[in-house]
Amino acid sequence: MAADVKAWVDGTKGYVNDLRLEMRRVTWPNRKQVESTTAVVIISVFAFAAYFAVIDSLLRKGTNAIFSFFTGR
């Protein structure tokens, strides 16, 4: 039982040490890079939203026209 706890503690310490080493290797983006990629994401979201709104509108009008044709309204 004590050996299991010691192994768990040693494993956790090893994991944290490996995590620290890996985090030192990370290259973090600067503020300008974050702002530019954020702008691209926001613009992309609005572009896709507009695209899907147009497609949704066309599909809605098409299905309404089909239903109207078959129901005679």
C-alpha atoms as a PDB file:
ATOM      1  CA  MET A   1       0.000   0.000   0.000  1.00  0.00           C
ATOM      2  CA  ALA A   2       2.776   2.439   0.954  1.00  0.00           C
ATOM      3  CA  ALA A   3       4.672   1.433  -2.192  1.00  0.00           C
ATOM      4  CA  ASP A   4       1.612   2.328  -4.293  1.00  0.00           C
ATOM      5  CA  VAL A   5       1.400   5.762  -2.696  1.00  0.00           C
ATOM      6  CA  LYS A   6       5.131   6.345  -3.164  1.00  0.00           C
ATOM      7  CA  ALA A   7       4.893   5.266  -6.815  1.00  0.00           C
ATOM      8  CA  TRP A   8       1.945   7.616  -7.350  1.00  0.00           C
ATOM      9  CA  VAL A   9       3.808  10.542  -5.732  1.00  0.00           C
ATOM     10  CA  ASP A  10       6.928   9.825  -7.796  1.00  0.00           C
ATOM     11  CA  GLY A  11       4.878   9.544 -10.960  1.00  0.00           C
ATOM     12  CA  THR A  12       3.132  12.828 -10.217  1.00  0.00           C
ATOM     13  CA  LYS A  13       6.447  14.580  -9.567  1.00  0.00           C
ATOM     14  CA  GLY A  14       7.832  13.218 -12.823  1.00  0.00           C
ATOM     15  CA  TYR A  15       4.759  14.410 -14.692  1.00  0.00           C
ATOM     16  CA  VAL A  16       4.995  17.916 -13.238  1.00  0.00           C
ATOM     17  CA  ASN A  17       8.707  18.116 -14.047  1.00  0.00           C
ATOM     18  CA  ASP A  18       8.076  16.982 -17.626  1.00  0.00           C
ATOM     19  CA  LEU A  19       5.260  19.505 -17.877  1.00  0.00           C
ATOM     20  CA  ARG A  20       7.541  22.333 -16.741  1.00  0.00           C
ATOM     21  CA  LEU A  21      10.188  21.307 -19.262  1.00  0.00           C
ATOM     22  CA  GLU A  22       7.665  21.218 -22.069  1.00  0.00           C
ATOM     23  CA  MET A  23       6.186  24.594 -21.124  1.00  0.00           C
ATOM     24  CA  ARG A  24       9.659  26.167 -21.393  1.00  0.00           C
ATOM     25  CA  ARG A  25       9.847  24.973 -25.005  1.00  0.00           C
ATOM     26  CA  VAL A  26       6.540  26.571 -25.977  1.00  0.00           C
ATOM     27  CA  THR A  27       6.749  29.664 -28.149  1.00  0.00           C
ATOM     28  CA  TRP A  28       3.978  31.997 -27.088  1.00  0.00           C
ATOM     29  CA  PRO A  29       2.432  34.393 -29.618  1.00  0.00           C
ATOM     30  CA  ASN A  30       2.885  38.105 -29.095  1.00  0.00           C
ATOM     31  CA  ARG A  31      -0.018  40.514 -28.756  1.00  0.00           C
ATOM     32  CA  LYS A  32      -0.042  41.473 -32.446  1.00  0.00           C
ATOM     33  CA  GLN A  33      -0.271  37.815 -33.523  1.00  0.00           C
ATOM     34  CA  VAL A  34      -3.132  37.167 -31.102  1.00  0.00           C
ATOM     35  CA  GLU A  35      -5.021  40.244 -32.291  1.00  0.00           C
ATOM     36  CA  SER A  36      -4.612  39.349 -35.965  1.00  0.00           C
ATOM     37  CA  THR A  37      -5.670  35.733 -35.561  1.00  0.00           C
ATOM     38  CA  THR A  38      -8.603  36.812 -33.400  1.00  0.00           C
ATOM     39  CA  ALA A  39      -9.696  39.221 -36.127  1.00  0.00           C
ATOM     40  CA  VAL A  40      -9.506  36.428 -38.718  1.00  0.00           C
ATOM     41  CA  VAL A  41     -11.626  34.165 -36.529  1.00  0.00           C
ATOM     42  CA  ILE A  42     -14.264  36.855 -35.911  1.00  0.00           C
ATOM     43  CA  ILE A  43     -14.479  37.759 -39.608  1.00  0.00           C
ATOM     44  CA  SER A  44     -14.706  34.070 -40.544  1.00  0.00           C
ATOM     45  CA  VAL A  45     -17.520  33.492 -38.060  1.00  0.00           C
ATOM     46  CA  PHE A  46     -19.535  36.382 -39.483  1.00  0.00           C
ATOM     47  CA  ALA A  47     -18.867  35.250 -43.076  1.00  0.00           C
ATOM     48  CA  PHE A  48     -20.020  31.706 -42.328  1.00  0.00           C
ATOM     49  CA  ALA A  49     -23.059  33.034 -40.450  1.00  0.00           C
ATOM     50  CA  ALA A  50     -24.049  35.141 -43.466  1.00  0.00           C
ATOM     51  CA  TYR A  51     -23.491  32.192 -45.818  1.00  0.00           C
ATOM     52  CA  PHE A  52     -25.634  29.864 -43.722  1.00  0.00           C
ATOM     53  CA  ALA A  53     -28.339  32.526 -43.355  1.00  0.00           C
ATOM     54  CA  VAL A  54     -28.582  32.812 -47.145  1.00  0.00           C
ATOM     55  CA  ILE A  55     -28.617  29.034 -47.623  1.00  0.00           C
ATOM     56  CA  ASP A  56     -31.221  28.646 -44.870  1.00  0.00           C
ATOM     57  CA  SER A  57     -33.415  31.296 -46.474  1.00  0.00           C
ATOM     58  CA  LEU A  58     -33.174  29.652 -49.895  1.00  0.00           C
ATOM     59  CA  LEU A  59     -33.966  26.216 -48.510  1.00  0.00           C
ATOM     60  CA  ARG A  60     -36.895  27.573 -46.495  1.00  0.00           C
ATOM     61  CA  LYS A  61     -38.350  29.307 -49.561  1.00  0.00           C
ATOM     62  CA  GLY A  62     -37.825  26.183 -51.653  1.00  0.00           C
ATOM     63  CA  THR A  63     -39.519  23.853 -49.188  1.00  0.00           C
ATOM     64  CA  ASN A  64     -42.379  26.312 -48.708  1.00  0.00           C
ATOM     65  CA  ALA A  65     -42.836  26.474 -52.494  1.00  0.00           C
ATOM     66  CA  ILE A  66     -42.865  22.661 -52.725  1.00  0.00           C
ATOM     67  CA  PHE A  67     -45.400  22.354 -49.891  1.00  0.00           C
ATOM     68  CA  SER A  68     -47.561  25.084 -51.429  1.00  0.00           C
ATOM     69  CA  PHE A  69     -47.499  23.308 -54.797  1.00  0.00           C
ATOM     70  CA  PHE A  70     -48.626  19.995 -53.337  1.00  0.00           C
ATOM     71  CA  THR A  71     -51.214  21.411 -50.933  1.00  0.00           C
ATOM     72  CA  GLY A  72     -52.672  23.838 -53.486  1.00  0.00           C
ATOM     73  CA  ARG A  73     -52.316  26.944 -51.348  1.00  0.00           C
END
